[in-house]
Amino acid sequence: MLVLGIETSCDETGIALYHAERGLLAHRLHSQVAIHAEYGGVVPELASRDHVRRLIPLIRRTMSDANAEAGDIDGIAYTAGPGLIGALLAGAAVARSLAWAWNIPAVPVHHMEGHLLAPMLEPDPPQFPFVALLVSGGHTQLIAVTGLGRYELLGESVDDAAGEAFDKSAKMMGLGYPGGPALSRLAEQGDPARFKFPRPMVDRPGMDFSFSGLKTHTLVTLQSTAGTQQDKADVARAFEDAVADTLFIKCRRALQATGLKNLVVAGGVSANRTIRAKLNGLAGHGGGRVYFARHEFCTDNGAMIAYAGCLRLQAGQQAPPIIEARARWPLTELAPP
């Protein structure tokens, strides 16, 4: 089975071709960073319009990369949510139109399920069951995963997600867009001993997160300094270390509570080197391992959508021929195919 994957949930247009037996054949990604940088964040209308411009040319190039023709494709997977509704509809409309024209099935894919399964694209993938940490700009969640579509929410952020806190803290420091990677680069120059930030919600039971207070603490600390580049670097380092420690403590708690051995870490923030190094410290917990996707598949991409869609199509999932998109879509509403 050969599946075309289409990802348009926010500000990146991702296209991929995944074969059930041969693996990932080709993938391409167009980032809209240059478009949104002057506004300091994503402008939904501009994002939607750029997806419309980019989708068909990217599909053609990706199919050319894989030497594939329309008749070779057995199904189409597209991100149906959550995300920016206009951006989602751009991808959904193209996916459903091609599926109708080519007389093949199309399946809507949950964006976060795509991230959750992205580490399975690696040569040595995790096996069910495992605990998953989904950590991105819009989500910070701990989930017990026992199979495809079998997800139990263990904890989530009650306010800002970790990625959102990264971006907002970066904006306080006058860093460019996207802020999270810029803050991480600055933190590499920081003194880890100068500031000690709180680790939010680790002194109470449960696996929920809260990063809003950490963001406020960052602002107050910045205002107490002279605002030099080194001051900002030291604050950035303290912030990043606090987030990494908090994620580590909560993930360890989730592994202990579920009795599961393996941890899968996915989403855009999982590309952060400090967070990766910290969470790798959980390897060996009960004989388990920690799994990450490669960096290019941590952020939004078509490969994870093609893979997730392939699994659901292989399992026999059918979807009615309608253009379907949901700006909000809890992962726990998914069911096994």
Protein backbone atom coordinates (compact mmCIF):
# COMPACT_ATOMS: atom_id res chain seq x y z
CA MET A 1 0.00 0.00 0.00
CA LEU A 2 1.33 3.43 -1.03
CA VAL A 3 -0.08 6.42 0.87
CA LEU A 4 0.22 10.12 0.09
CA GLY A 5 0.42 12.21 3.29
CA ILE A 6 -0.60 15.88 3.47
CA GLU A 7 0.12 18.09 6.50
CA THR A 8 -1.21 21.68 6.69
CA SER A 9 -2.16 22.23 10.33
CA CYS A 10 -0.28 25.49 10.82
CA ASP A 11 2.66 27.16 9.08
CA GLU A 12 4.38 24.28 7.29
CA THR A 13 3.24 22.44 4.17
CA GLY A 14 4.38 18.82 4.39
CA ILE A 15 4.00 16.13 1.71
CA ALA A 16 5.22 12.53 1.84
CA LEU A 17 4.82 9.14 0.21
CA TYR A 18 4.94 6.13 2.54
CA HIS A 19 4.85 2.51 1.40
CA ALA A 20 3.65 -0.14 3.83
CA GLU A 21 6.53 -2.49 2.96
CA ARG A 22 9.23 -0.21 1.55
CA GLY A 23 8.90 2.56 4.12
CA LEU A 24 9.25 6.28 3.44
CA LEU A 25 9.88 6.86 -0.26
CA ALA A 26 9.99 10.66 -0.42
CA HIS A 27 9.02 13.74 1.56
CA ARG A 28 9.17 17.50 1.14
CA LEU A 29 8.49 20.40 3.47
CA HIS A 30 7.90 24.09 2.88
CA SER A 31 8.23 26.36 5.91
CA GLN A 32 6.44 29.70 6.17
CA VAL A 33 8.88 31.18 8.71
CA ALA A 34 9.92 33.97 6.35
CA ILE A 35 6.28 34.98 5.80
CA HIS A 36 5.37 35.23 9.48
CA ALA A 37 8.68 36.49 10.90
CA GLU A 38 7.88 40.18 10.41
CA TYR A 39 4.67 39.74 12.44
CA GLY A 40 6.35 37.85 15.30
CA GLY A 41 3.95 34.91 14.98
CA VAL A 42 1.68 32.98 12.65
CA VAL A 43 -0.97 34.99 10.75
CA PRO A 44 -3.72 32.42 10.03
CA GLU A 45 -4.97 33.97 6.77
CA LEU A 46 -1.46 34.20 5.33
CA ALA A 47 -0.81 30.60 6.37
CA SER A 48 -3.94 29.36 4.59
CA ARG A 49 -3.16 31.25 1.38
CA ASP A 50 0.40 29.93 1.27
CA HIS A 51 -0.79 26.34 1.69
CA VAL A 52 -3.09 26.82 -1.30
CA ARG A 53 -0.14 28.05 -3.38
CA ARG A 54 2.27 25.33 -2.31
CA LEU A 55 0.25 22.12 -2.09
CA ILE A 56 -0.06 20.98 -5.72
CA PRO A 57 3.54 21.87 -6.72
CA LEU A 58 4.88 20.07 -3.61
CA ILE A 59 2.76 16.99 -4.34
CA ARG A 60 4.06 16.89 -7.90
CA ARG A 61 7.69 17.21 -6.78
CA THR A 62 7.33 14.56 -4.08
CA MET A 63 5.74 12.12 -6.52
CA SER A 64 8.54 12.84 -8.99
CA ASP A 65 11.14 12.19 -6.25
CA ALA A 66 9.61 8.74 -5.69
CA ASN A 67 9.03 8.05 -9.40
CA ALA A 68 5.35 7.59 -8.55
CA GLU A 69 2.29 8.28 -10.66
CA ALA A 70 -1.32 8.81 -9.65
CA GLY A 71 -2.18 5.19 -10.44
CA ASP A 72 0.44 3.96 -7.94
CA ILE A 73 -1.19 5.63 -4.94
CA ASP A 74 -3.60 3.51 -2.90
CA GLY A 75 -4.79 6.10 -0.37
CA ILE A 76 -4.41 9.64 0.91
CA ALA A 77 -3.92 10.70 4.53
CA TYR A 78 -4.42 14.31 5.54
CA THR A 79 -4.29 16.28 8.78
CA ALA A 80 -7.88 17.00 9.80
CA GLY A 81 -7.08 18.65 13.14
CA PRO A 82 -6.30 20.12 15.52
CA GLY A 83 -4.86 23.30 14.04
CA LEU A 84 -5.75 26.50 12.22
CA ILE A 85 -9.08 25.84 10.57
CA GLY A 86 -8.26 27.64 7.31
CA ALA A 87 -4.95 25.83 6.97
CA LEU A 88 -6.58 22.48 7.74
CA LEU A 89 -9.30 23.07 5.16
CA ALA A 90 -6.72 23.82 2.48
CA GLY A 91 -5.12 20.41 2.93
CA ALA A 92 -8.42 18.59 3.42
CA ALA A 93 -9.90 20.04 0.23
CA VAL A 94 -6.91 19.02 -1.88
CA ALA A 95 -6.77 15.55 -0.29
CA ARG A 96 -10.46 14.86 -0.82
CA SER A 97 -10.42 16.24 -4.38
CA LEU A 98 -7.48 14.04 -5.38
CA ALA A 99 -9.03 11.01 -3.71
CA TRP A 100 -12.24 11.57 -5.66
CA ALA A 101 -10.38 12.12 -8.94
CA TRP A 102 -8.15 9.06 -8.45
CA ASN A 103 -10.97 6.90 -7.02
CA ILE A 104 -9.04 5.98 -3.87
CA PRO A 105 -9.86 6.33 -0.15
CA ALA A 106 -8.81 9.32 1.94
CA VAL A 107 -8.50 9.16 5.72
CA PRO A 108 -8.43 12.10 8.18
CA VAL A 109 -5.47 11.95 10.60
CA HIS A 110 -5.17 13.54 14.03
CA HIS A 111 -2.15 15.83 14.03
CA MET A 112 -0.96 14.72 17.47
CA GLU A 113 -1.38 11.04 16.60
CA GLY A 114 0.99 11.74 13.74
CA HIS A 115 3.55 13.20 16.15
CA LEU A 116 3.04 10.34 18.60
CA LEU A 117 3.80 7.78 15.88
CA ALA A 118 6.68 9.71 14.24
CA PRO A 119 9.41 7.81 16.17
CA MET A 120 8.14 4.64 14.47
CA LEU A 121 9.64 5.96 11.23
CA GLU A 122 13.10 5.29 12.71
CA PRO A 123 15.12 2.13 11.91
CA ASP A 124 14.65 0.81 15.48
CA PRO A 125 11.09 1.87 16.35
CA PRO A 126 9.30 1.51 19.69
CA GLN A 127 6.70 -1.17 20.17
CA PHE A 128 3.36 -0.88 21.96
CA PRO A 129 2.76 -0.31 24.85
CA PHE A 130 4.62 2.81 26.00
CA VAL A 131 4.21 6.19 27.68
CA ALA A 132 4.22 9.09 25.23
CA LEU A 133 5.20 12.68 26.01
CA LEU A 134 3.74 14.98 23.38
CA VAL A 135 5.44 18.34 23.75
CA SER A 136 4.85 21.08 21.18
CA GLY A 137 3.77 24.68 20.77
CA GLY A 138 0.16 23.87 21.53
CA HIS A 139 0.28 20.66 23.57
CA THR A 140 2.08 19.16 26.55
CA GLN A 141 0.55 15.79 27.35
CA LEU A 142 1.48 12.48 28.93
CA ILE A 143 -0.38 9.54 27.41
CA ALA A 144 -0.40 5.80 28.07
CA VAL A 145 -0.40 4.15 24.64
CA THR A 146 -1.42 0.51 24.36
CA GLY A 147 -2.10 0.41 20.62
CA LEU A 148 -3.18 2.45 17.62
CA GLY A 149 -6.04 4.64 18.79
CA ARG A 150 -5.79 3.28 22.34
CA TYR A 151 -4.76 6.34 24.31
CA GLU A 152 -5.27 7.18 27.98
CA LEU A 153 -4.52 10.75 29.02
CA LEU A 154 -2.36 10.78 32.16
CA GLY A 155 -1.66 14.49 32.43
CA GLU A 156 -1.57 17.70 30.43
CA SER A 157 -0.79 21.39 30.76
CA VAL A 158 -3.47 23.34 32.60
CA ASP A 159 -2.36 26.59 30.94
CA ASP A 160 0.51 27.31 28.54
CA ALA A 161 2.10 24.37 26.76
CA ALA A 162 5.89 24.08 27.04
CA GLY A 163 6.44 25.25 23.47
CA GLU A 164 4.16 28.22 23.98
CA ALA A 165 6.11 29.18 27.12
CA PHE A 166 9.36 28.93 25.12
CA ASP A 167 8.02 31.25 22.42
CA LYS A 168 6.56 33.81 24.83
CA SER A 169 9.73 33.88 26.95
CA ALA A 170 11.79 34.37 23.80
CA LYS A 171 9.61 37.31 22.86
CA MET A 172 10.29 38.88 26.27
CA MET A 173 13.99 38.69 25.45
CA GLY A 174 13.52 40.35 22.08
CA LEU A 175 14.46 37.22 20.15
CA GLY A 176 13.23 36.54 16.64
CA TYR A 177 10.55 34.18 15.34
CA PRO A 178 10.36 31.25 15.85
CA GLY A 179 11.26 32.00 19.43
CA GLY A 180 11.80 28.54 20.91
CA PRO A 181 14.89 27.60 18.86
CA ALA A 182 16.29 31.13 19.30
CA LEU A 183 15.95 30.86 23.09
CA SER A 184 17.68 27.48 23.08
CA ARG A 185 20.62 28.84 21.10
CA LEU A 186 20.94 31.73 23.53
CA ALA A 187 20.74 29.37 26.53
CA GLU A 188 23.91 27.61 25.33
CA GLN A 189 25.83 30.77 26.35
CA GLY A 190 24.17 30.98 29.78
CA ASP A 191 25.59 30.33 33.22
CA PRO A 192 23.58 27.43 34.73
CA ALA A 193 24.52 28.45 38.29
CA ARG A 194 23.36 32.07 38.22
CA PHE A 195 19.57 31.63 38.45
CA LYS A 196 17.48 28.78 39.85
CA PHE A 197 13.93 28.78 38.52
CA PRO A 198 11.04 26.84 40.12
CA ARG A 199 9.98 23.46 38.76
CA PRO A 200 6.19 23.99 38.55
CA MET A 201 3.75 21.45 40.00
CA VAL A 202 6.39 18.85 40.85
CA ASP A 203 5.68 19.12 44.60
CA ARG A 204 2.10 17.89 44.23
CA PRO A 205 0.75 14.51 43.07
CA GLY A 206 -0.39 13.92 39.53
CA MET A 207 1.07 14.36 36.07
CA ASP A 208 -0.39 17.69 34.97
CA PHE A 209 1.86 20.57 33.86
CA SER A 210 1.76 24.33 34.28
CA PHE A 211 4.20 26.66 32.53
CA SER A 212 2.39 29.99 32.83
CA GLY A 213 3.98 30.78 36.21
CA LEU A 214 7.41 29.88 34.88
CA LYS A 215 6.88 32.37 32.07
CA THR A 216 5.98 35.06 34.63
CA HIS A 217 9.05 34.18 36.72
CA THR A 218 11.15 34.64 33.59
CA LEU A 219 9.74 38.13 33.04
CA VAL A 220 10.30 39.20 36.66
CA THR A 221 13.88 37.88 36.58
CA LEU A 222 14.62 39.69 33.33
CA GLN A 223 13.30 42.95 34.80
CA SER A 224 15.65 42.56 37.78
CA THR A 225 18.73 42.52 35.53
CA ALA A 226 20.46 45.17 33.44
CA GLY A 227 19.19 43.46 30.29
CA THR A 228 22.59 42.68 28.79
CA GLN A 229 23.03 39.82 26.33
CA GLN A 230 24.67 37.74 29.07
CA ASP A 231 21.76 38.47 31.42
CA LYS A 232 19.36 37.18 28.79
CA ALA A 233 21.50 34.11 28.16
CA ASP A 234 21.59 33.28 31.89
CA VAL A 235 17.81 33.68 32.18
CA ALA A 236 17.28 31.56 29.06
CA ARG A 237 19.46 28.81 30.53
CA ALA A 238 17.55 28.85 33.82
CA PHE A 239 14.23 28.71 31.98
CA GLU A 240 15.27 25.84 29.73
CA ASP A 241 16.70 23.82 32.62
CA ALA A 242 13.47 24.29 34.59
CA VAL A 243 11.36 23.01 31.69
CA ALA A 244 13.67 20.04 31.11
CA ASP A 245 13.67 19.07 34.80
CA THR A 246 9.88 19.39 35.03
CA LEU A 247 9.35 17.15 32.01
CA PHE A 248 11.82 14.61 33.41
CA ILE A 249 10.10 14.44 36.80
CA LYS A 250 6.63 14.06 35.29
CA CYS A 251 7.75 11.43 32.77
CA ARG A 252 9.43 9.41 35.51
CA ARG A 253 6.22 9.64 37.52
CA ALA A 254 4.18 8.43 34.54
CA LEU A 255 6.42 5.42 33.99
CA GLN A 256 6.18 4.51 37.66
CA ALA A 257 2.40 4.95 37.77
CA THR A 258 1.70 2.84 34.68
CA GLY A 259 4.39 0.22 35.12
CA LEU A 260 5.37 0.73 31.48
CA LYS A 261 9.05 0.66 30.59
CA ASN A 262 9.43 2.65 27.39
CA LEU A 263 9.02 6.38 26.81
CA VAL A 264 8.30 7.99 23.43
CA VAL A 265 8.98 11.73 23.18
CA ALA A 266 7.48 13.56 20.21
CA GLY A 267 6.47 17.03 19.01
CA GLY A 268 8.43 20.12 18.03
CA VAL A 269 9.94 20.76 21.48
CA SER A 270 11.40 17.23 21.50
CA ALA A 271 14.09 18.55 19.13
CA ASN A 272 15.51 20.64 22.00
CA ARG A 273 18.95 19.28 22.88
CA THR A 274 18.77 20.05 26.60
CA ILE A 275 15.40 18.33 26.92
CA ARG A 276 16.61 15.32 24.93
CA ALA A 277 19.69 14.95 27.08
CA LYS A 278 17.65 15.20 30.29
CA LEU A 279 14.97 12.72 29.21
CA ASN A 280 17.59 10.28 27.97
CA GLY A 281 18.41 9.92 31.67
CA LEU A 282 15.23 7.85 31.97
CA ALA A 283 16.72 5.13 29.75
CA GLY A 284 17.09 1.98 31.75
CA HIS A 285 14.06 2.72 33.93
CA GLY A 286 12.85 -0.82 34.61
CA GLY A 287 14.89 -1.99 31.64
CA GLY A 288 13.17 0.43 29.26
CA ARG A 289 14.26 2.87 26.57
CA VAL A 290 13.58 6.43 25.46
CA TYR A 291 12.65 6.98 21.81
CA PHE A 292 12.76 10.20 19.76
CA ALA A 293 12.04 10.98 16.14
CA ARG A 294 14.88 12.39 14.07
CA HIS A 295 14.98 16.19 14.17
CA GLU A 296 13.32 16.72 10.78
CA PHE A 297 10.32 14.69 11.96
CA CYS A 298 9.95 16.42 15.33
CA THR A 299 8.32 19.48 13.78
CA ASP A 300 5.26 19.25 11.54
CA ASN A 301 5.82 17.07 8.47
CA GLY A 302 4.00 14.96 5.93
CA ALA A 303 5.85 11.73 6.72
CA MET A 304 4.18 11.27 10.10
CA ILE A 305 0.75 11.86 8.54
CA ALA A 306 1.40 9.39 5.73
CA TYR A 307 2.57 6.78 8.22
CA ALA A 308 -0.36 7.22 10.62
CA GLY A 309 -2.80 7.17 7.70
CA CYS A 310 -1.20 4.04 6.28
CA LEU A 311 -1.70 2.20 9.58
CA ARG A 312 -5.36 3.17 9.72
CA LEU A 313 -6.03 2.36 6.07
CA GLN A 314 -4.33 -1.02 6.45
CA ALA A 315 -6.52 -1.70 9.49
CA GLY A 316 -9.59 -1.10 7.36
CA GLN A 317 -10.61 2.38 8.49
CA GLN A 318 -13.09 4.02 6.17
CA ALA A 319 -14.16 7.66 6.16
CA PRO A 320 -17.08 9.27 4.33
CA PRO A 321 -16.18 11.43 1.29
CA ILE A 322 -16.57 14.78 3.02
CA ILE A 323 -14.12 17.63 3.61
CA GLU A 324 -13.51 17.28 7.34
CA ALA A 325 -11.48 19.56 9.60
CA ARG A 326 -11.54 20.32 13.32
CA ALA A 327 -9.66 23.20 14.93
CA ARG A 328 -10.04 21.46 18.32
CA TRP A 329 -9.88 17.69 18.55
CA PRO A 330 -8.93 15.92 21.80
CA LEU A 331 -6.62 12.99 21.14
CA THR A 332 -8.59 10.87 23.59
CA GLU A 333 -11.60 11.02 21.24
CA LEU A 334 -9.78 8.80 18.77
CA ALA A 335 -10.73 5.15 18.61
CA PRO A 336 -8.94 2.10 17.23
CA PRO A 337 -9.61 1.62 13.48
